Structure formats: C-alpha cells, structure tokens
Amino acid sequence: MQGNPAFQPAPIKPAIAFDVLEKLDIRVGAIEQVEEVPSSDKLVRLTVDFGDHKRKVLVGMKKERQNPKEIEGLQALFVVDLAPKKMMGEVSEAMLFDIGFADGVTPVLALPEKPVRNGTRAG
C-alpha cells in the first residue's frame, strides 16, 4: 500500500437517493493511446475505445506518473455522460474515474478485475 501510514479516510458524504447514482454513466474503456498536450504541464490526451466509438479524454497525470504511456493498453473506468469540457484549447469527452486524487493520494486507475467488453457499464 502506498502513501502516508497516518492516512485517515474522509467522512462519508450525506446519503443520496439511488436514482441520483443511476444518472451517472460509468463505462469500461480501453486506453489505446496516451499523447502529450504540448501547451500543458499537467494534461495528457487519451484515445479511449468504448466498443462502439472512441473518445478523446484529457487527464492531468503528467506530474503524477513518470511515464503516462504505461497505461496504454489498459482498461479503466470513465464517466461518459458529462458535458464535454474544453481545457488548454482541446475538448475532453469523458472523465477518467481514478482513485486517490480527492484524498491527496497519488491517483491510480479504477480497473476491472479481468477483461470485459469495452463499453460495459459499471453499477
């Protein structure tokens, strides 16, 4: 396990209705390519295969990993029903669902335990 041994989990957020959770569309996508975003010191551009289509996803991982290309070929979870977001002159079409950032822990990918079809929904 990485990180500070004194780590304390954040308090649990207030309860939400199940239908609120159902509004999120979280899917498995295969990370086909990781490219530099030259105008940014944080962002990389992922090309992600969701089975029936591909999307560009901007992720702020340049400072979190020595070699962001190490995630090429992996499947990970993505939030796909967010509105596209423009960053550094480029558009991100989904959000990588990672673990740790909100707690100040170096983020890691949320991965399926074994390969599944790209586009498979979580939940």
Protein backbone atom coordinates (compact mmCIF):
# COMPACT_ATOMS: atom_id res chain seq x y z
CA MET A 1 0.00 0.00 0.00
CA GLN A 2 1.32 3.44 -0.87
CA GLY A 3 1.06 6.69 0.97
CA ASN A 4 1.09 8.09 4.43
CA PRO A 5 0.63 5.49 7.19
CA ALA A 6 -1.29 8.12 9.18
CA PHE A 7 -3.90 8.44 6.41
CA GLN A 8 -7.44 8.77 7.70
CA PRO A 9 -10.37 8.23 5.34
CA ALA A 10 -12.58 11.28 4.79
CA PRO A 11 -16.03 11.27 6.41
CA ILE A 12 -18.77 9.58 4.41
CA LYS A 13 -20.78 12.09 2.35
CA PRO A 14 -24.52 12.54 3.06
CA ALA A 15 -26.83 9.82 1.73
CA ILE A 16 -28.25 10.23 -1.77
CA ALA A 17 -31.23 8.62 -3.46
CA PHE A 18 -30.42 5.60 -5.61
CA ASP A 19 -31.80 7.36 -8.71
CA VAL A 20 -29.11 10.05 -8.36
CA LEU A 21 -26.41 7.37 -8.68
CA GLU A 22 -28.26 5.86 -11.65
CA LYS A 23 -27.77 9.16 -13.54
CA LEU A 24 -24.02 8.56 -13.79
CA ASP A 25 -22.92 6.57 -16.82
CA ILE A 26 -19.63 4.90 -15.89
CA ARG A 27 -18.18 2.58 -18.53
CA VAL A 28 -15.12 0.49 -19.23
CA GLY A 29 -12.87 1.81 -21.97
CA ALA A 30 -9.56 0.59 -23.35
CA ILE A 31 -6.82 3.22 -23.35
CA GLU A 32 -5.38 2.91 -26.84
CA GLN A 33 -3.03 5.88 -26.89
CA VAL A 34 -1.54 8.43 -24.49
CA GLU A 35 -0.24 11.65 -26.03
CA GLU A 36 1.31 14.84 -24.69
CA VAL A 37 -0.75 18.02 -24.67
CA PRO A 38 2.14 20.34 -25.60
CA SER A 39 0.54 23.51 -24.21
CA SER A 40 0.05 21.96 -20.74
CA ASP A 41 2.39 20.90 -17.96
CA LYS A 42 -0.32 18.63 -16.46
CA LEU A 43 -2.53 17.21 -19.21
CA VAL A 44 -2.19 14.17 -21.43
CA ARG A 45 -4.69 13.14 -24.13
CA LEU A 46 -6.04 9.62 -24.04
CA THR A 47 -7.69 7.92 -27.01
CA VAL A 48 -10.20 5.54 -25.45
CA ASP A 49 -12.14 2.76 -27.17
CA PHE A 50 -15.67 2.31 -25.76
CA GLY A 51 -16.58 -0.54 -28.13
CA ASP A 52 -18.93 1.30 -30.48
CA HIS A 53 -16.94 4.56 -30.58
CA LYS A 54 -13.73 6.24 -29.46
CA ARG A 55 -13.29 9.43 -27.45
CA LYS A 56 -10.52 11.83 -26.55
CA VAL A 57 -10.14 12.25 -22.79
CA LEU A 58 -7.86 14.83 -21.18
CA VAL A 59 -6.29 13.75 -17.89
CA GLY A 60 -3.99 15.69 -15.57
CA MET A 61 -1.42 12.96 -14.98
CA LYS A 62 1.87 14.37 -16.33
CA LYS A 63 3.07 15.16 -12.80
CA GLU A 64 1.57 12.02 -11.25
CA ARG A 65 3.44 9.44 -13.35
CA GLN A 66 6.98 9.34 -14.67
CA ASN A 67 5.71 7.63 -17.80
CA PRO A 68 2.00 8.24 -18.57
CA LYS A 69 2.29 5.89 -21.59
CA GLU A 70 2.48 2.96 -19.12
CA ILE A 71 -1.33 2.91 -19.04
CA GLU A 72 -1.67 2.29 -22.80
CA GLY A 73 -3.49 -0.99 -23.39
CA LEU A 74 -5.23 -0.99 -20.01
CA GLN A 75 -8.96 -0.95 -19.46
CA ALA A 76 -10.24 1.60 -16.95
CA LEU A 77 -13.47 3.21 -15.78
CA PHE A 78 -14.67 6.50 -17.28
CA VAL A 79 -17.63 8.79 -16.60
CA VAL A 80 -19.05 9.21 -20.12
CA ASP A 81 -22.18 11.32 -19.60
CA LEU A 82 -20.51 14.56 -18.53
CA ALA A 83 -20.77 17.54 -20.87
CA PRO A 84 -17.62 17.93 -23.00
CA LYS A 85 -15.10 20.23 -21.32
CA LYS A 86 -12.60 22.48 -23.07
CA MET A 87 -9.14 22.58 -21.49
CA MET A 88 -5.98 24.13 -22.91
CA GLY A 89 -7.67 24.58 -26.28
CA GLU A 90 -8.77 20.93 -26.53
CA VAL A 91 -12.03 19.16 -25.69
CA SER A 92 -12.30 16.28 -23.24
CA GLU A 93 -15.22 13.94 -23.98
CA ALA A 94 -15.28 11.96 -20.72
CA MET A 95 -13.61 11.80 -17.31
CA LEU A 96 -11.21 9.13 -16.12
CA PHE A 97 -12.60 7.61 -12.92
CA ASP A 98 -9.49 7.30 -10.79
CA ILE A 99 -8.84 6.64 -7.13
CA GLY A 100 -6.99 8.83 -4.64
CA PHE A 101 -6.90 12.37 -6.05
CA ALA A 102 -9.59 13.75 -3.70
CA ASP A 103 -7.62 12.44 -0.70
CA GLY A 104 -4.24 13.79 -1.76
CA VAL A 105 -3.05 10.29 -2.68
CA THR A 106 -1.20 9.81 -5.97
CA PRO A 107 -4.07 8.62 -8.19
CA VAL A 108 -4.36 5.09 -9.51
CA LEU A 109 -6.73 3.79 -12.17
CA ALA A 110 -10.01 2.09 -11.32
CA LEU A 111 -9.62 -1.17 -13.29
CA PRO A 112 -11.90 -4.15 -13.91
CA GLU A 113 -10.50 -7.29 -12.24
CA LYS A 114 -10.49 -9.11 -15.59
CA PRO A 115 -11.05 -8.01 -19.20
CA VAL A 116 -14.62 -7.19 -20.21
CA ARG A 117 -16.06 -5.76 -23.42
CA ASN A 118 -15.28 -2.09 -23.97
CA GLY A 119 -18.39 -0.04 -23.22
CA THR A 120 -19.57 -2.31 -20.39
CA ARG A 121 -21.39 -0.21 -17.75
CA ALA A 122 -20.47 -0.10 -14.08
CA GLY A 123 -23.14 -0.23 -11.42
